N, C-alpha and C. Protein backbone atom coordinates (compact mmCIF):
# COMPACT_ATOMS: atom_id res chain seq x y z
N MET A 1 -0.07 -4.11 10.33
CA MET A 1 0.51 -4.75 11.36
C MET A 1 -0.87 -5.74 11.64
N PRO A 2 -0.81 -7.33 12.11
CA PRO A 2 -1.82 -8.13 12.22
C PRO A 2 -2.38 -7.76 13.37
N ASP A 3 -3.51 -8.20 13.80
CA ASP A 3 -4.27 -8.02 15.02
C ASP A 3 -3.82 -8.72 16.17
N THR A 4 -2.97 -10.10 15.84
CA THR A 4 -2.57 -10.81 16.50
C THR A 4 -1.17 -10.55 17.05
N LYS A 5 -0.85 -10.57 18.35
CA LYS A 5 0.33 -10.11 18.55
C LYS A 5 1.07 -11.49 19.28
N LEU A 6 2.08 -11.80 18.89
CA LEU A 6 2.87 -12.90 19.29
C LEU A 6 3.22 -12.76 20.75
N SER A 7 3.04 -13.70 21.64
CA SER A 7 3.48 -13.38 23.25
C SER A 7 4.85 -14.17 23.16
N ARG A 8 5.62 -13.92 24.20
CA ARG A 8 6.82 -14.67 24.39
C ARG A 8 6.56 -15.94 24.41
N ASP A 9 5.63 -16.56 25.31
CA ASP A 9 5.50 -18.11 24.81
C ASP A 9 5.41 -18.66 23.38
N ASP A 10 4.54 -17.48 22.72
CA ASP A 10 4.49 -18.09 21.35
C ASP A 10 6.18 -18.11 20.41
N ILE A 11 6.83 -17.19 20.77
CA ILE A 11 7.71 -17.16 20.40
C ILE A 11 8.96 -18.07 20.48
N GLN A 12 8.82 -18.35 21.93
CA GLN A 12 9.67 -19.50 22.42
C GLN A 12 9.41 -20.82 21.89
N ALA A 13 7.86 -21.22 21.62
CA ALA A 13 7.38 -22.29 21.09
C ALA A 13 7.83 -22.61 19.81
N MET A 14 7.90 -21.35 18.64
CA MET A 14 8.48 -21.30 17.50
C MET A 14 9.99 -21.70 17.56
N LEU A 15 10.83 -21.14 18.47
CA LEU A 15 12.57 -21.31 18.81
C LEU A 15 12.46 -22.51 19.11
N ASP A 16 11.91 -23.26 20.05
CA ASP A 16 11.89 -24.73 20.43
C ASP A 16 11.65 -25.50 19.27
N ALA A 17 10.44 -25.37 18.33
CA ALA A 17 10.29 -26.11 17.40
C ALA A 17 11.50 -26.44 16.37
N SER A 18 12.57 -25.47 15.94
CA SER A 18 13.45 -25.56 15.29
C SER A 18 14.62 -26.48 15.71
N PRO A 19 15.00 -27.70 15.24
CA PRO A 19 15.89 -28.07 15.70
C PRO A 19 17.35 -27.51 16.00
N PHE A 20 17.58 -26.67 14.81
CA PHE A 20 18.96 -25.99 15.03
C PHE A 20 18.42 -24.86 16.07
N ILE A 21 17.75 -24.29 16.25
CA ILE A 21 17.73 -23.29 17.29
C ILE A 21 17.39 -23.78 18.77
N ASN A 22 16.88 -24.93 18.87
CA ASN A 22 17.01 -25.68 19.74
C ASN A 22 17.67 -26.30 20.21
N TRP A 23 18.69 -26.77 19.30
CA TRP A 23 20.41 -27.14 19.82
C TRP A 23 20.96 -25.92 20.29
N LEU A 24 21.06 -24.64 19.76
CA LEU A 24 21.44 -23.54 20.22
C LEU A 24 21.11 -23.29 21.46
N GLY A 25 20.31 -23.74 21.93
CA GLY A 25 19.61 -23.18 23.32
C GLY A 25 19.20 -21.93 23.70
N VAL A 26 18.60 -21.64 22.33
CA VAL A 26 18.05 -20.00 22.46
C VAL A 26 16.81 -19.82 23.33
N SER A 27 16.67 -18.85 24.42
CA SER A 27 15.57 -18.49 25.13
C SER A 27 15.41 -17.26 24.85
N VAL A 28 13.80 -16.74 25.06
CA VAL A 28 13.65 -15.38 25.05
C VAL A 28 13.48 -14.57 26.50
N ASP A 29 14.14 -13.69 26.60
CA ASP A 29 14.30 -12.83 27.78
C ASP A 29 12.84 -11.93 27.96
N SER A 30 12.73 -11.23 27.05
CA SER A 30 11.91 -10.15 27.13
C SER A 30 11.28 -9.95 25.51
N LEU A 31 10.33 -9.00 25.55
CA LEU A 31 9.84 -8.53 24.33
C LEU A 31 9.09 -7.23 24.53
N ASP A 32 8.80 -6.43 23.53
CA ASP A 32 8.35 -5.23 23.79
C ASP A 32 7.72 -4.72 22.36
N HIS A 33 6.21 -5.02 22.19
CA HIS A 33 5.79 -4.85 20.92
C HIS A 33 5.74 -3.24 20.49
N ASP A 34 5.58 -2.42 21.60
CA ASP A 34 5.62 -1.05 21.33
C ASP A 34 6.96 -0.40 20.86
N SER A 35 7.94 -1.12 20.98
CA SER A 35 9.23 -0.54 20.80
C SER A 35 9.76 -1.43 19.58
N GLN A 36 9.17 -2.66 19.29
CA GLN A 36 9.91 -3.48 18.43
C GLN A 36 11.19 -4.19 18.95
N GLU A 37 11.25 -4.96 20.28
CA GLU A 37 12.19 -4.91 20.33
C GLU A 37 12.32 -6.35 21.24
N ILE A 38 13.35 -6.99 21.18
CA ILE A 38 13.12 -8.63 22.03
C ILE A 38 14.74 -8.74 22.34
N THR A 39 14.60 -9.46 23.38
CA THR A 39 15.95 -9.94 24.01
C THR A 39 15.78 -11.40 24.18
N ALA A 40 17.00 -11.78 23.91
CA ALA A 40 17.25 -13.34 24.00
C ALA A 40 18.44 -13.74 24.43
N ARG A 41 18.57 -15.07 25.10
CA ARG A 41 19.87 -15.43 25.32
C ARG A 41 20.44 -16.82 24.58
N ILE A 42 21.57 -17.21 24.80
CA ILE A 42 22.46 -18.36 24.76
C ILE A 42 22.91 -18.82 25.68
N PRO A 43 22.73 -19.82 25.97
CA PRO A 43 23.75 -20.31 27.06
C PRO A 43 25.02 -21.16 26.48
N MET A 44 26.09 -20.85 27.10
CA MET A 44 27.46 -21.45 26.86
C MET A 44 27.36 -22.88 27.08
N GLN A 45 27.85 -23.89 25.94
CA GLN A 45 27.57 -25.08 25.86
C GLN A 45 28.92 -25.70 25.19
N PRO A 46 29.35 -26.59 25.59
CA PRO A 46 30.92 -27.30 25.02
C PRO A 46 30.51 -27.20 23.44
N HIS A 47 29.40 -27.48 22.69
CA HIS A 47 29.23 -27.58 21.36
C HIS A 47 29.75 -26.06 20.69
N LEU A 48 29.32 -25.27 21.57
CA LEU A 48 29.37 -23.84 20.84
C LEU A 48 30.78 -23.09 21.33
N GLU A 49 31.59 -23.73 21.75
CA GLU A 49 32.93 -23.13 22.23
C GLU A 49 33.83 -23.35 20.78
N ARG A 50 34.67 -21.90 20.92
CA ARG A 50 35.45 -21.91 19.68
C ARG A 50 36.62 -22.81 19.54
N MET A 51 37.18 -23.26 20.73
CA MET A 51 38.16 -24.12 20.91
C MET A 51 37.69 -24.99 22.08
N PRO A 52 37.82 -26.27 22.22
CA PRO A 52 37.50 -27.13 23.54
C PRO A 52 37.88 -26.68 24.68
N GLY A 53 37.32 -26.34 25.48
CA GLY A 53 37.79 -25.76 27.06
C GLY A 53 38.13 -24.35 27.34
N SER A 54 37.79 -23.68 25.87
CA SER A 54 38.40 -22.42 26.04
C SER A 54 37.40 -21.53 26.95
N GLY A 55 36.27 -21.87 26.75
CA GLY A 55 35.13 -20.98 27.41
C GLY A 55 34.67 -19.79 26.35
N GLN A 56 35.12 -19.55 25.32
CA GLN A 56 34.82 -18.57 24.45
C GLN A 56 33.81 -19.13 23.23
N PHE A 57 32.80 -18.34 23.09
CA PHE A 57 31.67 -18.51 22.14
C PHE A 57 32.47 -18.58 20.51
N HIS A 58 31.92 -19.46 20.22
CA HIS A 58 32.48 -19.38 18.40
C HIS A 58 31.59 -18.43 17.86
N GLY A 59 32.31 -17.85 16.82
CA GLY A 59 31.65 -16.69 15.95
C GLY A 59 30.34 -16.95 15.24
N GLY A 60 30.37 -18.32 15.02
CA GLY A 60 29.04 -18.87 14.06
C GLY A 60 27.99 -19.05 15.07
N ALA A 61 28.04 -19.21 16.55
CA ALA A 61 27.14 -19.28 17.36
C ALA A 61 26.61 -18.10 17.49
N ILE A 62 27.48 -16.73 17.41
CA ILE A 62 26.83 -15.45 17.95
C ILE A 62 26.26 -15.14 16.60
N ALA A 63 26.77 -15.50 15.68
CA ALA A 63 26.18 -14.95 14.24
C ALA A 63 24.85 -15.58 13.99
N SER A 64 24.83 -16.91 14.57
CA SER A 64 23.35 -17.54 14.26
C SER A 64 22.40 -16.83 15.50
N LEU A 65 22.99 -16.37 16.65
CA LEU A 65 21.87 -15.65 17.62
C LEU A 65 21.48 -14.25 17.07
N ILE A 66 22.32 -13.51 16.56
CA ILE A 66 22.13 -12.22 15.84
C ILE A 66 20.94 -12.48 15.24
N ASP A 67 21.27 -13.30 13.85
CA ASP A 67 20.18 -13.55 12.80
C ASP A 67 18.81 -14.08 13.58
N ILE A 68 18.93 -15.30 14.45
CA ILE A 68 17.46 -15.36 14.71
C ILE A 68 16.84 -14.48 15.61
N VAL A 69 17.66 -13.55 16.64
CA VAL A 69 16.89 -12.48 17.12
C VAL A 69 16.50 -11.43 16.47
N GLY A 70 17.28 -11.19 15.18
CA GLY A 70 16.68 -10.26 14.19
C GLY A 70 15.46 -10.49 13.60
N ASP A 71 15.72 -11.84 13.38
CA ASP A 71 14.32 -12.32 12.67
C ASP A 71 12.96 -12.02 13.34
N PHE A 72 13.04 -12.35 14.97
CA PHE A 72 11.96 -12.23 15.45
C PHE A 72 11.53 -10.87 16.41
N ALA A 73 12.56 -9.79 16.10
CA ALA A 73 12.29 -8.53 16.16
C ALA A 73 11.53 -8.39 14.85
N VAL A 74 11.33 -8.75 13.64
CA VAL A 74 10.45 -8.62 12.91
C VAL A 74 8.94 -9.26 13.12
N ALA A 75 9.26 -10.46 13.54
CA ALA A 75 8.15 -11.10 13.64
C ALA A 75 7.19 -10.54 15.00
N LEU A 76 7.48 -9.65 15.62
CA LEU A 76 6.59 -9.15 16.46
C LEU A 76 5.77 -8.07 15.80
N SER A 77 6.31 -7.63 14.76
CA SER A 77 5.45 -6.77 13.55
C SER A 77 4.52 -7.60 12.59
N VAL A 78 4.77 -8.90 12.22
CA VAL A 78 4.23 -9.45 11.45
C VAL A 78 3.49 -10.96 11.71
N ALA A 79 3.65 -10.83 13.12
CA ALA A 79 3.11 -12.21 13.74
C ALA A 79 3.57 -13.44 13.30
N ALA A 80 4.90 -13.40 12.48
CA ALA A 80 5.31 -15.20 12.06
C ALA A 80 6.71 -14.56 11.71
N PRO A 81 7.51 -15.90 11.58
CA PRO A 81 9.09 -15.58 11.28
C PRO A 81 8.92 -15.21 9.88
N VAL A 82 10.16 -14.48 9.67
CA VAL A 82 10.14 -14.23 8.17
C VAL A 82 11.53 -14.52 7.78
N PRO A 83 11.94 -14.72 6.39
CA PRO A 83 13.16 -14.63 5.63
C PRO A 83 14.21 -13.75 6.10
N THR A 84 15.36 -14.20 6.24
CA THR A 84 16.51 -13.22 6.09
C THR A 84 17.08 -12.77 4.94
N ILE A 85 16.98 -11.86 4.64
CA ILE A 85 17.78 -11.26 3.54
C ILE A 85 19.08 -11.04 3.38
N ASN A 86 19.51 -10.70 4.45
CA ASN A 86 20.86 -10.12 4.34
C ASN A 86 21.23 -9.65 5.92
N PHE A 87 22.47 -10.10 6.45
CA PHE A 87 23.00 -9.61 7.67
C PHE A 87 24.39 -9.50 7.81
N ARG A 88 24.85 -8.87 8.60
CA ARG A 88 26.13 -8.73 8.80
C ARG A 88 26.61 -8.57 10.31
N VAL A 89 27.64 -9.02 10.57
CA VAL A 89 28.07 -9.08 11.97
C VAL A 89 29.45 -8.52 12.05
N ASP A 90 29.63 -7.63 13.16
CA ASP A 90 31.12 -6.96 13.58
C ASP A 90 31.43 -7.46 15.03
N PHE A 91 32.50 -8.23 14.90
CA PHE A 91 32.95 -9.09 16.33
C PHE A 91 33.81 -7.91 17.10
N LEU A 92 33.59 -7.64 18.12
CA LEU A 92 34.13 -6.33 18.80
C LEU A 92 35.23 -6.96 19.98
N ARG A 93 34.72 -8.17 20.54
CA ARG A 93 35.76 -8.50 21.60
C ARG A 93 35.28 -9.95 21.94
N PRO A 94 36.45 -10.86 22.26
CA PRO A 94 36.05 -12.46 22.52
C PRO A 94 35.01 -12.69 23.70
N ALA A 95 33.84 -13.40 23.29
CA ALA A 95 32.65 -13.40 24.24
C ALA A 95 32.86 -14.47 25.16
N PHE A 96 32.96 -14.37 26.28
CA PHE A 96 33.28 -15.55 27.44
C PHE A 96 31.84 -15.24 28.34
N GLY A 97 31.75 -16.28 28.94
CA GLY A 97 30.70 -16.17 29.84
C GLY A 97 29.77 -17.68 30.19
N ASP A 98 28.98 -17.47 30.67
CA ASP A 98 27.97 -18.90 31.01
C ASP A 98 26.80 -18.51 30.05
N HIS A 99 26.66 -17.38 29.37
CA HIS A 99 25.74 -17.09 28.37
C HIS A 99 25.98 -15.77 27.76
N LEU A 100 25.16 -15.55 26.68
CA LEU A 100 25.35 -14.31 25.44
C LEU A 100 23.64 -13.56 25.84
N ILE A 101 23.39 -12.28 25.96
CA ILE A 101 22.36 -11.58 25.64
C ILE A 101 22.29 -10.95 24.46
N ALA A 102 21.43 -11.05 23.61
CA ALA A 102 21.27 -10.52 22.31
C ALA A 102 19.86 -9.78 22.21
N THR A 103 19.80 -8.40 21.86
CA THR A 103 18.97 -7.24 21.97
C THR A 103 18.65 -6.99 20.56
N ALA A 104 17.49 -7.36 20.00
CA ALA A 104 17.23 -6.68 18.98
C ALA A 104 16.52 -5.59 18.82
N ARG A 105 16.58 -4.48 18.00
CA ARG A 105 15.70 -3.28 17.70
C ARG A 105 15.12 -3.18 16.31
N ALA A 106 13.92 -2.92 15.96
CA ALA A 106 13.39 -2.62 14.64
C ALA A 106 14.13 -1.20 14.47
N ARG A 107 14.71 -0.88 13.38
CA ARG A 107 14.90 0.21 13.08
C ARG A 107 13.85 1.03 12.08
N ARG A 108 13.51 0.00 11.25
CA ARG A 108 12.49 0.22 10.20
C ARG A 108 11.61 -0.79 9.83
N VAL A 109 10.58 -1.47 9.95
CA VAL A 109 9.70 -2.14 9.48
C VAL A 109 8.70 -1.79 8.38
N GLY A 110 9.19 -1.96 7.03
CA GLY A 110 8.20 -1.43 6.04
C GLY A 110 7.44 -2.49 5.10
N ARG A 111 6.85 -2.03 4.16
CA ARG A 111 6.17 -2.84 3.50
C ARG A 111 6.37 -4.24 3.18
N THR A 112 7.88 -4.24 2.61
CA THR A 112 8.35 -5.44 2.10
C THR A 112 9.68 -5.69 2.94
N ILE A 113 10.19 -4.75 3.35
CA ILE A 113 11.73 -4.74 3.92
C ILE A 113 11.99 -4.32 5.53
N ALA A 114 12.28 -5.19 6.48
CA ALA A 114 12.89 -4.56 7.62
C ALA A 114 14.14 -4.54 7.74
N ALA A 115 14.77 -3.51 8.34
CA ALA A 115 16.05 -3.34 9.41
C ALA A 115 16.03 -3.51 10.48
N ILE A 116 16.89 -4.32 11.52
CA ILE A 116 17.00 -4.46 12.56
C ILE A 116 18.56 -4.52 13.00
N ASP A 117 18.69 -3.65 13.97
CA ASP A 117 20.11 -3.67 14.48
C ASP A 117 19.94 -4.79 15.97
N ILE A 118 21.20 -5.36 16.15
CA ILE A 118 21.33 -6.25 17.02
C ILE A 118 22.55 -6.00 18.02
N ASP A 119 22.53 -5.98 19.33
CA ASP A 119 23.74 -5.92 20.09
C ASP A 119 23.84 -7.25 21.22
N VAL A 120 25.12 -7.72 20.99
CA VAL A 120 25.40 -8.84 21.94
C VAL A 120 26.21 -8.57 23.23
N LEU A 121 25.86 -8.87 24.33
CA LEU A 121 26.58 -8.44 25.56
C LEU A 121 26.91 -10.05 25.97
N ASP A 122 28.11 -9.82 26.90
CA ASP A 122 28.15 -11.14 27.63
C ASP A 122 27.87 -10.85 29.38
N PRO A 123 28.13 -11.90 29.96
CA PRO A 123 27.33 -11.41 31.21
C PRO A 123 27.77 -10.32 32.05
N GLN A 124 29.03 -9.72 31.64
CA GLN A 124 29.46 -8.42 32.25
C GLN A 124 28.71 -7.13 31.60
N ASP A 125 27.97 -7.68 30.68
CA ASP A 125 27.33 -6.57 29.95
C ASP A 125 28.28 -5.49 29.00
N ARG A 126 29.37 -6.39 28.75
CA ARG A 126 30.22 -6.04 27.55
C ARG A 126 29.69 -6.18 26.45
N LEU A 127 30.06 -5.30 25.32
CA LEU A 127 29.42 -5.21 23.70
C LEU A 127 30.30 -6.25 23.21
N CYS A 128 29.99 -7.20 22.71
CA CYS A 128 30.81 -8.23 22.32
C CYS A 128 30.91 -8.43 20.63
N ALA A 129 29.45 -8.05 20.13
CA ALA A 129 29.37 -7.90 18.82
C ALA A 129 27.92 -7.16 18.30
N ILE A 130 28.06 -6.50 17.17
CA ILE A 130 26.86 -6.08 16.87
C ILE A 130 26.34 -6.44 15.50
N GLY A 131 24.86 -6.33 15.11
CA GLY A 131 24.73 -6.97 13.57
C GLY A 131 23.79 -5.94 13.30
N ARG A 132 23.64 -6.21 12.12
CA ARG A 132 22.45 -5.31 11.39
C ARG A 132 21.85 -6.18 10.30
N GLY A 133 20.51 -6.61 10.42
CA GLY A 133 19.83 -7.72 9.42
C GLY A 133 18.90 -7.27 8.81
N THR A 134 18.94 -7.55 7.37
CA THR A 134 17.82 -6.78 6.62
C THR A 134 16.80 -8.66 6.18
N TYR A 135 15.52 -8.15 6.59
CA TYR A 135 14.67 -9.27 6.54
C TYR A 135 13.62 -8.68 5.82
N SER A 136 12.83 -9.90 5.24
CA SER A 136 11.62 -9.56 4.44
C SER A 136 10.64 -9.44 5.65
N ALA A 137 9.49 -8.20 5.13
CA ALA A 137 8.63 -7.84 6.33
C ALA A 137 7.49 -8.59 5.95
N THR A 138 7.48 -9.73 5.12
CA THR A 138 6.18 -10.53 5.35
C THR A 138 6.47 -12.09 5.40
N ALA A 139 5.72 -12.57 6.25
CA ALA A 139 6.10 -14.06 6.72
C ALA A 139 6.24 -15.06 5.57
N GLY A 140 7.02 -15.88 5.85
CA GLY A 140 7.31 -16.92 4.90
C GLY A 140 8.59 -17.83 5.39
């Protein structure tokens, strides 16, 4: 593990620097280096709706949030964003509300590969989607 630890502001600056992530509006709520856990949110915006006026998040926005938060759970260990190798999403219920919260927890960060579990909750704390991501454990 590198000597440098990314702060919440460091990670937010990286998120904001990405045109796509910035367009999604992802913001960091909290992080914990010891438990290798990060929580972020995405606000509902008209361009993220499944159908105009539905108030339902599009699955692509949810999947993107899962991938992004999973990536940065690994970044807590390697002090830099990492490439995604693979990820999957299980949508458990339609996601409505003014935002979604995603929490990513490192299951294992090895020498070359990291496995991350991600939960997505609506504003009523209902589990809407779960993800599992596999990421490179080296910056890149």
